[in-house]
Amino acid sequence: MVPYPLTPGLKRLPARFYRSDSGREPVHEWLKGLEPEDRKAIGEDIKDVEFSWPIGMPLVRSLGRELWEARSSLAHGRNVR
């Protein structure tokens, strides 16, 4: 685990959910449907990215044009991007 302070405003790279023109956040909706242990694992990975930026592979990969993919490993060996 990466040590970092939990003081608001110290995020080096704030994460944002994609929002469609209609206002839906499909990734946020998908996360709410996951098992609690999987949501926690993804949340920890996103937190690591926000507070410890820059981070590279295997957790983060550039998709170009200032867009980054965060990758998580979930229970039972499943991977999510």
N, C-alpha and C. Protein backbone atom coordinates (compact mmCIF):
# COMPACT_ATOMS: atom_id res chain seq x y z
N MET A 1 0.84 -1.17 0.00
CA MET A 1 0.00 0.00 0.00
C MET A 1 0.89 1.24 0.00
N VAL A 2 0.42 2.27 -0.67
CA VAL A 2 1.17 3.51 -0.78
C VAL A 2 0.76 4.44 0.37
N PRO A 3 1.70 4.92 1.18
CA PRO A 3 1.33 5.82 2.27
C PRO A 3 1.06 7.22 1.72
N TYR A 4 0.00 7.86 2.21
CA TYR A 4 -0.33 9.22 1.80
C TYR A 4 -1.28 9.82 2.82
N PRO A 5 -1.29 11.12 2.92
CA PRO A 5 -2.22 11.77 3.85
C PRO A 5 -3.63 11.75 3.28
N LEU A 6 -4.62 11.74 4.15
CA LEU A 6 -5.99 11.74 3.69
C LEU A 6 -6.63 13.12 3.81
N THR A 7 -5.82 14.16 3.71
CA THR A 7 -6.30 15.52 3.80
C THR A 7 -6.90 15.93 2.46
N PRO A 8 -8.14 16.46 2.45
CA PRO A 8 -8.74 16.91 1.20
C PRO A 8 -7.85 17.94 0.50
N GLY A 9 -7.83 17.89 -0.82
CA GLY A 9 -7.07 18.86 -1.59
C GLY A 9 -5.65 18.42 -1.90
N LEU A 10 -5.20 17.31 -1.36
CA LEU A 10 -3.84 16.86 -1.63
C LEU A 10 -3.77 15.80 -2.73
N LYS A 11 -4.88 15.58 -3.39
CA LYS A 11 -4.86 14.63 -4.50
C LYS A 11 -3.99 15.21 -5.61
N ARG A 12 -3.11 14.39 -6.14
CA ARG A 12 -2.25 14.84 -7.22
C ARG A 12 -2.95 14.73 -8.56
N LEU A 13 -3.91 13.81 -8.67
CA LEU A 13 -4.66 13.61 -9.90
C LEU A 13 -6.07 13.17 -9.52
N PRO A 14 -7.02 14.08 -9.44
CA PRO A 14 -8.37 13.68 -9.04
C PRO A 14 -9.04 12.81 -10.10
N ALA A 15 -9.61 11.70 -9.67
CA ALA A 15 -10.32 10.80 -10.58
C ALA A 15 -11.70 11.37 -10.87
N ARG A 16 -12.17 11.14 -12.07
CA ARG A 16 -13.51 11.58 -12.46
C ARG A 16 -14.18 10.44 -13.21
N PHE A 17 -15.47 10.27 -12.94
CA PHE A 17 -16.25 9.29 -13.68
C PHE A 17 -16.70 9.90 -15.00
N TYR A 18 -16.72 9.07 -16.05
CA TYR A 18 -17.27 9.51 -17.33
C TYR A 18 -18.75 9.81 -17.12
N ARG A 19 -19.21 10.92 -17.66
CA ARG A 19 -20.63 11.29 -17.59
C ARG A 19 -21.13 11.51 -19.01
N SER A 20 -22.21 10.82 -19.38
CA SER A 20 -22.79 10.97 -20.71
C SER A 20 -23.53 12.31 -20.81
N ASP A 21 -23.93 12.68 -22.02
CA ASP A 21 -24.68 13.92 -22.22
C ASP A 21 -26.00 13.91 -21.44
N SER A 22 -26.55 12.72 -21.20
CA SER A 22 -27.81 12.61 -20.46
C SER A 22 -27.60 12.67 -18.95
N GLY A 23 -26.32 12.71 -18.51
CA GLY A 23 -26.02 12.80 -17.09
C GLY A 23 -25.75 11.47 -16.40
N ARG A 24 -25.86 10.36 -17.14
CA ARG A 24 -25.57 9.05 -16.55
C ARG A 24 -24.07 8.87 -16.35
N GLU A 25 -23.71 8.12 -15.33
CA GLU A 25 -22.33 7.74 -15.06
C GLU A 25 -22.26 6.22 -15.07
N PRO A 26 -22.11 5.61 -16.26
CA PRO A 26 -22.19 4.15 -16.37
C PRO A 26 -21.15 3.41 -15.54
N VAL A 27 -19.95 3.94 -15.41
CA VAL A 27 -18.92 3.25 -14.62
C VAL A 27 -19.31 3.28 -13.14
N HIS A 28 -19.79 4.42 -12.66
CA HIS A 28 -20.24 4.54 -11.27
C HIS A 28 -21.40 3.57 -11.02
N GLU A 29 -22.33 3.49 -11.95
CA GLU A 29 -23.46 2.56 -11.82
C GLU A 29 -22.97 1.11 -11.78
N TRP A 30 -22.00 0.78 -12.63
CA TRP A 30 -21.44 -0.57 -12.67
C TRP A 30 -20.75 -0.90 -11.35
N LEU A 31 -19.98 0.06 -10.81
CA LEU A 31 -19.30 -0.16 -9.54
C LEU A 31 -20.28 -0.48 -8.42
N LYS A 32 -21.41 0.21 -8.39
CA LYS A 32 -22.39 -0.01 -7.33
C LYS A 32 -22.97 -1.43 -7.38
N GLY A 33 -22.90 -2.09 -8.51
CA GLY A 33 -23.42 -3.44 -8.65
C GLY A 33 -22.42 -4.54 -8.30
N LEU A 34 -21.18 -4.17 -8.00
CA LEU A 34 -20.16 -5.16 -7.68
C LEU A 34 -20.26 -5.63 -6.23
N GLU A 35 -19.62 -6.74 -5.96
CA GLU A 35 -19.51 -7.23 -4.59
C GLU A 35 -18.69 -6.23 -3.77
N PRO A 36 -18.97 -6.10 -2.48
CA PRO A 36 -18.24 -5.13 -1.64
C PRO A 36 -16.72 -5.29 -1.70
N GLU A 37 -16.21 -6.50 -1.71
CA GLU A 37 -14.75 -6.68 -1.74
C GLU A 37 -14.15 -6.18 -3.05
N ASP A 38 -14.90 -6.34 -4.15
CA ASP A 38 -14.41 -5.84 -5.44
C ASP A 38 -14.46 -4.32 -5.49
N ARG A 39 -15.54 -3.71 -4.97
CA ARG A 39 -15.62 -2.24 -4.90
C ARG A 39 -14.48 -1.67 -4.07
N LYS A 40 -14.17 -2.34 -2.98
CA LYS A 40 -13.08 -1.87 -2.11
C LYS A 40 -11.75 -1.95 -2.84
N ALA A 41 -11.48 -3.04 -3.55
CA ALA A 41 -10.21 -3.20 -4.28
C ALA A 41 -10.06 -2.11 -5.34
N ILE A 42 -11.12 -1.85 -6.08
CA ILE A 42 -11.08 -0.81 -7.11
C ILE A 42 -10.90 0.56 -6.47
N GLY A 43 -11.62 0.81 -5.38
CA GLY A 43 -11.49 2.08 -4.67
C GLY A 43 -10.08 2.33 -4.17
N GLU A 44 -9.44 1.30 -3.64
CA GLU A 44 -8.06 1.42 -3.16
C GLU A 44 -7.12 1.74 -4.32
N ASP A 45 -7.33 1.08 -5.47
CA ASP A 45 -6.47 1.36 -6.63
C ASP A 45 -6.67 2.79 -7.13
N ILE A 46 -7.91 3.25 -7.18
CA ILE A 46 -8.17 4.63 -7.62
C ILE A 46 -7.54 5.61 -6.64
N LYS A 47 -7.66 5.33 -5.36
CA LYS A 47 -7.05 6.20 -4.34
C LYS A 47 -5.53 6.25 -4.50
N ASP A 48 -4.91 5.10 -4.76
CA ASP A 48 -3.46 5.08 -4.99
C ASP A 48 -3.09 5.97 -6.18
N VAL A 49 -3.87 5.90 -7.25
CA VAL A 49 -3.59 6.73 -8.42
C VAL A 49 -3.75 8.21 -8.08
N GLU A 50 -4.82 8.56 -7.39
CA GLU A 50 -5.09 9.96 -7.07
C GLU A 50 -3.99 10.59 -6.21
N PHE A 51 -3.51 9.87 -5.21
CA PHE A 51 -2.57 10.43 -4.25
C PHE A 51 -1.10 10.17 -4.60
N SER A 52 -0.82 9.22 -5.48
CA SER A 52 0.57 8.84 -5.75
C SER A 52 0.98 9.07 -7.20
N TRP A 53 0.23 9.86 -7.91
CA TRP A 53 0.51 10.14 -9.32
C TRP A 53 1.88 10.77 -9.46
N PRO A 54 2.70 10.44 -10.44
CA PRO A 54 2.43 9.53 -11.54
C PRO A 54 2.72 8.08 -11.18
N ILE A 55 1.92 7.21 -11.72
CA ILE A 55 2.05 5.76 -11.55
C ILE A 55 1.98 5.14 -12.94
N GLY A 56 2.74 4.09 -13.16
CA GLY A 56 2.72 3.42 -14.45
C GLY A 56 2.14 2.02 -14.33
N MET A 57 2.49 1.20 -15.29
CA MET A 57 2.03 -0.18 -15.32
C MET A 57 2.57 -0.92 -14.10
N PRO A 58 1.87 -1.88 -13.57
CA PRO A 58 0.68 -2.50 -14.12
C PRO A 58 -0.64 -1.82 -13.70
N LEU A 59 -0.60 -0.80 -12.85
CA LEU A 59 -1.83 -0.19 -12.37
C LEU A 59 -2.43 0.80 -13.36
N VAL A 60 -1.59 1.57 -14.05
CA VAL A 60 -2.10 2.64 -14.93
C VAL A 60 -1.44 2.55 -16.29
N ARG A 61 -2.26 2.76 -17.33
CA ARG A 61 -1.75 2.76 -18.71
C ARG A 61 -2.35 3.96 -19.44
N SER A 62 -1.53 4.64 -20.21
CA SER A 62 -2.00 5.79 -20.97
C SER A 62 -2.83 5.32 -22.17
N LEU A 63 -3.94 6.01 -22.38
CA LEU A 63 -4.77 5.77 -23.57
C LEU A 63 -4.58 6.90 -24.58
N GLY A 64 -3.69 7.84 -24.24
CA GLY A 64 -3.42 8.99 -25.11
C GLY A 64 -4.35 10.15 -24.79
N ARG A 65 -3.96 11.34 -25.28
CA ARG A 65 -4.77 12.55 -25.13
C ARG A 65 -5.21 12.81 -23.69
N GLU A 66 -4.27 12.62 -22.75
CA GLU A 66 -4.50 12.87 -21.33
C GLU A 66 -5.61 12.02 -20.73
N LEU A 67 -5.80 10.82 -21.28
CA LEU A 67 -6.77 9.86 -20.76
C LEU A 67 -5.99 8.64 -20.30
N TRP A 68 -6.30 8.17 -19.07
CA TRP A 68 -5.57 7.07 -18.46
C TRP A 68 -6.52 5.97 -18.04
N GLU A 69 -6.05 4.74 -18.16
CA GLU A 69 -6.81 3.57 -17.76
C GLU A 69 -6.22 3.06 -16.45
N ALA A 70 -7.07 2.90 -15.42
CA ALA A 70 -6.64 2.28 -14.17
C ALA A 70 -7.07 0.83 -14.21
N ARG A 71 -6.17 -0.06 -13.82
CA ARG A 71 -6.43 -1.50 -13.86
C ARG A 71 -6.47 -2.05 -12.45
N SER A 72 -7.40 -2.95 -12.20
CA SER A 72 -7.52 -3.56 -10.87
C SER A 72 -7.60 -5.07 -11.00
N SER A 73 -7.09 -5.76 -10.00
CA SER A 73 -7.24 -7.21 -9.90
C SER A 73 -8.26 -7.48 -8.80
N LEU A 74 -9.27 -8.26 -9.15
CA LEU A 74 -10.34 -8.54 -8.21
C LEU A 74 -10.26 -9.97 -7.71
N ALA A 75 -11.18 -10.31 -6.84
CA ALA A 75 -11.24 -11.66 -6.28
C ALA A 75 -11.34 -12.70 -7.39
N HIS A 76 -10.83 -13.85 -7.13
CA HIS A 76 -10.91 -14.99 -8.06
C HIS A 76 -10.12 -14.73 -9.34
N GLY A 77 -9.12 -13.87 -9.27
CA GLY A 77 -8.21 -13.66 -10.41
C GLY A 77 -8.78 -12.85 -11.55
N ARG A 78 -9.92 -12.21 -11.36
CA ARG A 78 -10.49 -11.39 -12.43
C ARG A 78 -9.76 -10.06 -12.50
N ASN A 79 -9.63 -9.52 -13.70
CA ASN A 79 -9.01 -8.21 -13.89
C ASN A 79 -10.03 -7.26 -14.48
N VAL A 80 -9.93 -6.00 -14.13
CA VAL A 80 -10.85 -4.99 -14.64
C VAL A 80 -10.05 -3.82 -15.16
N ARG A 81 -10.53 -3.22 -16.23
CA ARG A 81 -9.90 -2.01 -16.79
C ARG A 81 -10.97 -0.97 -17.00
